Amino acid sequence: QVQLVESGGGLVQAGDSLRLSCAVSGRTFSNYAMGWFRQAPGAEREFVAAISRIGDRKTYADSVRGRFTISRDNAKSTLYLEMNSLKPEDTAVYLCAKSSASFNYYAPTRGREYDYWGQGTQVTVSS
C-alpha cells in the first residue's frame, strides 16, 4: 500500500515562506513523477507543480511560477515544495500525489494522471 504524508504547513503572513514535505512509502519513489495540488474552501482542486521521476522536468501553474519550487530527494523518498512570497490567495490544503505513470521526462498536470494522494497539509496566509 502506498502512503503519502505531507508536513510543513502552517499560518504565515503575506510575503513569508514555507517548505512543504511529502514522505512516500510503499513503492519505488524514483519510478514515478510526483505532483502538488491544492484545494481552497469551496473551490475545486487545482494543480500547483509537478516533477518528473528523476527531476529533469518540472511544470508549474501560472499562479505560482517564479514563487514556488518543486524538488525531490529520491534517496529519501521525499517530495518538497518551497513556497516563497506567499499571498493570501495561496491559502489552501496542499496535497501531494503520485503519478500512475513512470515515463521519463514526464511531469503531468492533470489530477486523473495521479493514483495515490496524501491527506494534505493546511497553509494559511494572512494579509
N, C-alpha and C. Protein backbone atom coordinates (compact mmCIF):
# COMPACT_ATOMS: atom_id res chain seq x y z
N GLN A 1 0.83 -1.18 0.00
CA GLN A 1 0.00 0.00 0.00
C GLN A 1 0.88 1.24 0.00
N VAL A 2 0.56 2.16 -0.87
CA VAL A 2 1.31 3.41 -0.97
C VAL A 2 0.79 4.40 0.07
N GLN A 3 1.70 5.05 0.75
CA GLN A 3 1.33 6.09 1.71
C GLN A 3 2.08 7.37 1.41
N LEU A 4 1.38 8.48 1.44
CA LEU A 4 1.96 9.79 1.24
C LEU A 4 1.57 10.65 2.44
N VAL A 5 2.55 11.22 3.10
CA VAL A 5 2.28 12.00 4.30
C VAL A 5 2.93 13.38 4.15
N GLU A 6 2.07 14.41 4.09
CA GLU A 6 2.55 15.78 3.96
C GLU A 6 2.83 16.39 5.33
N SER A 7 3.74 17.36 5.33
CA SER A 7 4.02 18.13 6.54
C SER A 7 4.58 19.49 6.14
N GLY A 8 4.63 20.40 7.10
CA GLY A 8 5.25 21.70 6.87
C GLY A 8 4.29 22.86 6.70
N GLY A 9 2.99 22.58 6.68
CA GLY A 9 2.04 23.67 6.56
C GLY A 9 1.98 24.52 7.82
N GLY A 10 1.24 25.62 7.74
CA GLY A 10 1.09 26.48 8.91
C GLY A 10 0.46 27.80 8.57
N LEU A 11 0.44 28.68 9.56
CA LEU A 11 -0.11 30.02 9.41
C LEU A 11 1.05 31.01 9.29
N VAL A 12 1.06 31.75 8.17
CA VAL A 12 2.13 32.71 7.92
C VAL A 12 1.52 34.02 7.43
N GLN A 13 2.36 35.05 7.35
CA GLN A 13 1.91 36.33 6.82
C GLN A 13 2.29 36.44 5.35
N ALA A 14 1.58 37.31 4.67
CA ALA A 14 1.89 37.55 3.25
C ALA A 14 3.36 37.95 3.11
N GLY A 15 4.02 37.36 2.11
CA GLY A 15 5.42 37.63 1.88
C GLY A 15 6.35 36.62 2.52
N ASP A 16 5.84 35.82 3.43
CA ASP A 16 6.65 34.81 4.10
C ASP A 16 6.89 33.59 3.21
N SER A 17 7.66 32.66 3.73
CA SER A 17 7.98 31.43 3.01
C SER A 17 7.63 30.21 3.85
N LEU A 18 7.37 29.12 3.16
CA LEU A 18 7.14 27.82 3.80
C LEU A 18 7.75 26.74 2.92
N ARG A 19 8.13 25.64 3.55
CA ARG A 19 8.60 24.47 2.80
C ARG A 19 7.76 23.27 3.20
N LEU A 20 7.06 22.73 2.22
CA LEU A 20 6.27 21.53 2.45
C LEU A 20 7.07 20.30 2.09
N SER A 21 6.81 19.21 2.82
CA SER A 21 7.44 17.92 2.52
C SER A 21 6.37 16.86 2.36
N CYS A 22 6.69 15.83 1.60
CA CYS A 22 5.78 14.70 1.40
C CYS A 22 6.63 13.44 1.44
N ALA A 23 6.47 12.65 2.50
CA ALA A 23 7.19 11.39 2.63
C ALA A 23 6.37 10.27 2.01
N VAL A 24 7.01 9.48 1.16
CA VAL A 24 6.31 8.44 0.41
C VAL A 24 6.86 7.07 0.77
N SER A 25 5.98 6.12 0.96
CA SER A 25 6.38 4.75 1.23
C SER A 25 5.49 3.79 0.46
N GLY A 26 5.98 2.57 0.24
CA GLY A 26 5.18 1.55 -0.38
C GLY A 26 5.42 1.31 -1.86
N ARG A 27 6.18 2.19 -2.51
CA ARG A 27 6.55 1.99 -3.92
C ARG A 27 7.96 2.53 -4.12
N THR A 28 8.58 2.16 -5.22
CA THR A 28 9.88 2.73 -5.54
C THR A 28 9.67 4.17 -5.99
N PHE A 29 10.00 5.08 -5.09
CA PHE A 29 9.69 6.51 -5.29
C PHE A 29 10.24 7.03 -6.60
N SER A 30 11.45 6.63 -6.95
CA SER A 30 12.11 7.19 -8.12
C SER A 30 11.52 6.72 -9.44
N ASN A 31 10.58 5.79 -9.41
CA ASN A 31 9.97 5.30 -10.65
C ASN A 31 8.85 6.20 -11.17
N TYR A 32 8.39 7.15 -10.36
CA TYR A 32 7.17 7.87 -10.70
C TYR A 32 7.32 9.38 -10.59
N ALA A 33 6.64 10.07 -11.51
CA ALA A 33 6.50 11.51 -11.36
C ALA A 33 5.64 11.80 -10.13
N MET A 34 5.83 12.98 -9.58
CA MET A 34 5.09 13.39 -8.38
C MET A 34 4.55 14.80 -8.58
N GLY A 35 3.49 15.11 -7.87
CA GLY A 35 2.90 16.44 -8.01
C GLY A 35 2.34 17.00 -6.72
N TRP A 36 2.15 18.31 -6.73
CA TRP A 36 1.45 19.02 -5.66
C TRP A 36 0.19 19.64 -6.23
N PHE A 37 -0.89 19.52 -5.49
CA PHE A 37 -2.15 20.16 -5.81
C PHE A 37 -2.62 20.92 -4.58
N ARG A 38 -3.63 21.77 -4.74
CA ARG A 38 -4.18 22.46 -3.58
C ARG A 38 -5.67 22.64 -3.76
N GLN A 39 -6.34 22.76 -2.62
CA GLN A 39 -7.79 22.96 -2.65
C GLN A 39 -8.18 23.96 -1.58
N ALA A 40 -8.73 25.06 -2.01
CA ALA A 40 -9.22 26.08 -1.10
C ALA A 40 -10.68 25.79 -0.75
N PRO A 41 -11.18 26.32 0.37
CA PRO A 41 -12.58 26.09 0.74
C PRO A 41 -13.54 26.53 -0.35
N GLY A 42 -14.45 25.65 -0.72
CA GLY A 42 -15.45 25.97 -1.72
C GLY A 42 -14.95 25.99 -3.14
N ALA A 43 -13.69 25.61 -3.34
CA ALA A 43 -13.11 25.64 -4.68
C ALA A 43 -12.73 24.23 -5.12
N GLU A 44 -12.53 24.06 -6.42
CA GLU A 44 -12.08 22.77 -6.92
C GLU A 44 -10.57 22.61 -6.67
N ARG A 45 -10.15 21.39 -6.63
CA ARG A 45 -8.72 21.09 -6.51
C ARG A 45 -8.00 21.62 -7.75
N GLU A 46 -6.84 22.23 -7.55
CA GLU A 46 -6.10 22.76 -8.68
C GLU A 46 -4.64 22.31 -8.63
N PHE A 47 -4.08 22.19 -9.81
CA PHE A 47 -2.68 21.80 -9.98
C PHE A 47 -1.77 22.93 -9.51
N VAL A 48 -0.69 22.56 -8.84
CA VAL A 48 0.31 23.54 -8.40
C VAL A 48 1.64 23.31 -9.11
N ALA A 49 2.18 22.10 -8.99
CA ALA A 49 3.50 21.82 -9.58
C ALA A 49 3.68 20.32 -9.72
N ALA A 50 4.55 19.91 -10.65
CA ALA A 50 4.86 18.50 -10.84
C ALA A 50 6.33 18.36 -11.21
N ILE A 51 6.87 17.18 -10.93
CA ILE A 51 8.28 16.91 -11.21
C ILE A 51 8.40 15.50 -11.75
N SER A 52 9.26 15.33 -12.75
CA SER A 52 9.46 14.03 -13.36
C SER A 52 10.19 13.10 -12.40
N ARG A 53 10.27 11.85 -12.78
CA ARG A 53 10.78 10.83 -11.86
C ARG A 53 12.21 11.08 -11.41
N ILE A 54 13.05 11.65 -12.27
CA ILE A 54 14.42 11.94 -11.85
C ILE A 54 14.66 13.44 -11.72
N GLY A 55 13.60 14.22 -11.81
CA GLY A 55 13.71 15.64 -11.57
C GLY A 55 14.19 16.48 -12.72
N ASP A 56 14.22 15.91 -13.94
CA ASP A 56 14.75 16.66 -15.08
C ASP A 56 13.68 17.49 -15.79
N ARG A 57 12.44 17.36 -15.35
CA ARG A 57 11.39 18.21 -15.89
C ARG A 57 10.47 18.64 -14.74
N LYS A 58 10.12 19.93 -14.74
CA LYS A 58 9.22 20.47 -13.73
C LYS A 58 8.18 21.33 -14.43
N THR A 59 6.94 21.23 -13.98
CA THR A 59 5.88 22.06 -14.52
C THR A 59 5.21 22.80 -13.36
N TYR A 60 4.73 24.01 -13.64
CA TYR A 60 4.12 24.85 -12.62
C TYR A 60 2.83 25.49 -13.15
N ALA A 61 1.91 25.72 -12.23
CA ALA A 61 0.76 26.54 -12.55
C ALA A 61 1.23 27.99 -12.73
N ASP A 62 0.56 28.71 -13.59
CA ASP A 62 0.94 30.10 -13.84
C ASP A 62 0.91 30.93 -12.55
N SER A 63 -0.02 30.60 -11.67
CA SER A 63 -0.21 31.39 -10.46
C SER A 63 0.95 31.26 -9.47
N VAL A 64 1.78 30.23 -9.62
CA VAL A 64 2.87 30.03 -8.65
C VAL A 64 4.25 30.08 -9.30
N ARG A 65 4.30 30.11 -10.63
CA ARG A 65 5.59 30.08 -11.32
C ARG A 65 6.42 31.29 -10.91
N GLY A 66 7.66 31.03 -10.55
CA GLY A 66 8.56 32.09 -10.11
C GLY A 66 8.56 32.28 -8.60
N ARG A 67 7.56 31.74 -7.91
CA ARG A 67 7.50 31.85 -6.45
C ARG A 67 7.69 30.50 -5.76
N PHE A 68 7.19 29.43 -6.39
CA PHE A 68 7.26 28.10 -5.81
C PHE A 68 8.30 27.27 -6.57
N THR A 69 8.94 26.35 -5.85
CA THR A 69 9.90 25.43 -6.46
C THR A 69 9.64 24.02 -5.96
N ILE A 70 9.44 23.11 -6.90
CA ILE A 70 9.24 21.71 -6.55
C ILE A 70 10.58 20.99 -6.69
N SER A 71 10.83 20.04 -5.78
CA SER A 71 12.05 19.25 -5.85
C SER A 71 11.78 17.89 -5.21
N ARG A 72 12.74 17.00 -5.39
CA ARG A 72 12.59 15.66 -4.80
C ARG A 72 13.95 15.12 -4.42
N ASP A 73 13.95 14.27 -3.40
CA ASP A 73 15.15 13.55 -2.98
C ASP A 73 14.81 12.07 -3.08
N ASN A 74 15.24 11.44 -4.15
CA ASN A 74 14.87 10.04 -4.37
C ASN A 74 15.51 9.11 -3.34
N ALA A 75 16.64 9.49 -2.81
CA ALA A 75 17.28 8.66 -1.78
C ALA A 75 16.46 8.65 -0.48
N LYS A 76 15.72 9.72 -0.25
CA LYS A 76 14.90 9.83 0.96
C LYS A 76 13.42 9.60 0.68
N SER A 77 13.07 9.32 -0.58
CA SER A 77 11.66 9.12 -0.97
C SER A 77 10.79 10.27 -0.49
N THR A 78 11.27 11.47 -0.73
CA THR A 78 10.57 12.66 -0.23
C THR A 78 10.44 13.71 -1.33
N LEU A 79 9.27 14.30 -1.38
CA LEU A 79 8.95 15.38 -2.31
C LEU A 79 8.86 16.68 -1.52
N TYR A 80 9.28 17.78 -2.14
CA TYR A 80 9.27 19.08 -1.47
C TYR A 80 8.56 20.13 -2.32
N LEU A 81 8.07 21.15 -1.63
CA LEU A 81 7.55 22.34 -2.31
C LEU A 81 8.01 23.55 -1.51
N GLU A 82 8.93 24.30 -2.08
CA GLU A 82 9.41 25.54 -1.47
C GLU A 82 8.51 26.67 -1.95
N MET A 83 7.88 27.35 -1.01
CA MET A 83 6.93 28.41 -1.36
C MET A 83 7.43 29.74 -0.82
N ASN A 84 7.70 30.67 -1.70
CA ASN A 84 8.18 32.00 -1.33
C ASN A 84 7.16 33.06 -1.73
N SER A 85 7.31 34.24 -1.13
CA SER A 85 6.42 35.38 -1.44
C SER A 85 4.95 34.96 -1.40
N LEU A 86 4.59 34.31 -0.33
CA LEU A 86 3.23 33.78 -0.22
C LEU A 86 2.20 34.90 -0.20
N LYS A 87 1.05 34.61 -0.79
CA LYS A 87 -0.06 35.55 -0.89
C LYS A 87 -1.29 34.95 -0.21
N PRO A 88 -2.21 35.79 0.23
CA PRO A 88 -3.43 35.25 0.84
C PRO A 88 -4.16 34.26 -0.07
N GLU A 89 -4.09 34.47 -1.38
CA GLU A 89 -4.77 33.57 -2.31
C GLU A 89 -4.10 32.20 -2.41
N ASP A 90 -2.95 32.03 -1.77
CA ASP A 90 -2.31 30.72 -1.71
C ASP A 90 -2.89 29.87 -0.58
N THR A 91 -3.75 30.43 0.23
CA THR A 91 -4.36 29.70 1.33
C THR A 91 -5.17 28.51 0.80
N ALA A 92 -4.84 27.32 1.28
CA ALA A 92 -5.49 26.10 0.81
C ALA A 92 -4.92 24.91 1.57
N VAL A 93 -5.55 23.76 1.38
CA VAL A 93 -4.95 22.49 1.78
C VAL A 93 -4.09 22.01 0.61
N TYR A 94 -2.84 21.72 0.90
CA TYR A 94 -1.90 21.28 -0.13
C TYR A 94 -1.74 19.76 -0.04
N LEU A 95 -1.91 19.11 -1.19
CA LEU A 95 -1.84 17.66 -1.26
C LEU A 95 -0.73 17.23 -2.21
N CYS A 96 0.00 16.22 -1.81
CA CYS A 96 0.97 15.63 -2.74
C CYS A 96 0.33 14.38 -3.36
N ALA A 97 0.81 14.03 -4.53
CA ALA A 97 0.23 12.91 -5.26
C ALA A 97 1.30 12.18 -6.06
N LYS A 98 1.09 10.88 -6.23
CA LYS A 98 1.98 10.04 -7.02
C LYS A 98 1.34 9.77 -8.38
N SER A 99 2.13 9.97 -9.43
CA SER A 99 1.63 9.70 -10.77
C SER A 99 1.46 8.21 -10.99
N SER A 100 0.52 7.85 -11.85
CA SER A 100 0.29 6.44 -12.19
C SER A 100 1.24 5.96 -13.28
N ALA A 101 1.99 6.87 -13.89
CA ALA A 101 2.87 6.52 -14.99
C ALA A 101 4.32 6.68 -14.60
N SER A 102 5.18 5.98 -15.32
CA SER A 102 6.61 6.02 -15.00
C SER A 102 7.44 6.39 -16.21
N PHE A 103 6.89 7.23 -17.09
CA PHE A 103 7.65 7.66 -18.26
C PHE A 103 8.76 8.61 -17.87
N ASN A 104 9.81 8.60 -18.67
CA ASN A 104 10.87 9.57 -18.47
C ASN A 104 10.40 10.96 -18.88
N TYR A 105 10.99 11.96 -18.26
CA TYR A 105 10.74 13.36 -18.62
C TYR A 105 9.24 13.68 -18.64
N TYR A 106 8.53 13.21 -17.65
CA TYR A 106 7.07 13.34 -17.61
C TYR A 106 6.67 13.97 -16.30
N ALA A 107 5.97 15.08 -16.35
CA ALA A 107 5.54 15.80 -15.16
C ALA A 107 4.09 16.23 -15.36
N PRO A 108 3.14 15.32 -15.16
CA PRO A 108 1.73 15.58 -15.51
C PRO A 108 1.05 16.65 -14.67
N THR A 109 0.12 17.33 -15.29
CA THR A 109 -0.59 18.44 -14.63
C THR A 109 -2.04 18.13 -14.29
N ARG A 110 -2.57 17.00 -14.77
CA ARG A 110 -3.97 16.69 -14.55
C ARG A 110 -4.14 15.69 -13.41
N GLY A 111 -5.13 15.94 -12.58
CA GLY A 111 -5.36 15.08 -11.43
C GLY A 111 -5.60 13.63 -11.79
N ARG A 112 -6.21 13.38 -12.93
CA ARG A 112 -6.53 12.00 -13.30
C ARG A 112 -5.29 11.19 -13.65
N GLU A 113 -4.17 11.84 -13.77
CA GLU A 113 -2.92 11.14 -14.05
C GLU A 113 -2.20 10.71 -12.77
N TYR A 114 -2.85 10.91 -11.63
CA TYR A 114 -2.28 10.53 -10.34
C TYR A 114 -3.18 9.50 -9.67
N ASP A 115 -2.55 8.50 -9.04
CA ASP A 115 -3.36 7.43 -8.47
C ASP A 115 -3.32 7.33 -6.95
N TYR A 116 -2.39 7.99 -6.30
CA TYR A 116 -2.36 8.00 -4.85
C TYR A 116 -2.17 9.42 -4.35
N TRP A 117 -2.87 9.73 -3.26
CA TRP A 117 -2.89 11.09 -2.73
C TRP A 117 -2.66 11.07 -1.23
N GLY A 118 -2.02 12.14 -0.74
CA GLY A 118 -1.90 12.31 0.69
C GLY A 118 -3.15 12.95 1.27
N GLN A 119 -3.16 13.12 2.59
CA GLN A 119 -4.30 13.72 3.27
C GLN A 119 -4.27 15.25 3.22
N GLY A 120 -3.10 15.81 3.00
CA GLY A 120 -2.99 17.25 2.86
C GLY A 120 -2.46 17.94 4.10
N THR A 121 -1.91 19.12 3.88
CA THR A 121 -1.44 19.97 4.98
C THR A 121 -1.96 21.38 4.73
N GLN A 122 -2.47 22.02 5.77
CA GLN A 122 -3.10 23.33 5.63
C GLN A 122 -2.06 24.44 5.59
N VAL A 123 -2.20 25.30 4.61
CA VAL A 123 -1.40 26.51 4.51
C VAL A 123 -2.35 27.70 4.56
N THR A 124 -2.13 28.58 5.52
CA THR A 124 -2.95 29.77 5.65
C THR A 124 -2.06 31.00 5.62
N VAL A 125 -2.36 31.91 4.71
CA VAL A 125 -1.56 33.12 4.54
C VAL A 125 -2.44 34.32 4.89
N SER A 126 -2.04 35.04 5.92
CA SER A 126 -2.82 36.21 6.34
C SER A 126 -2.27 37.48 5.67
N SER A 127 -3.15 38.42 5.47
CA SER A 127 -2.74 39.66 4.79
C SER A 127 -2.23 40.70 5.77
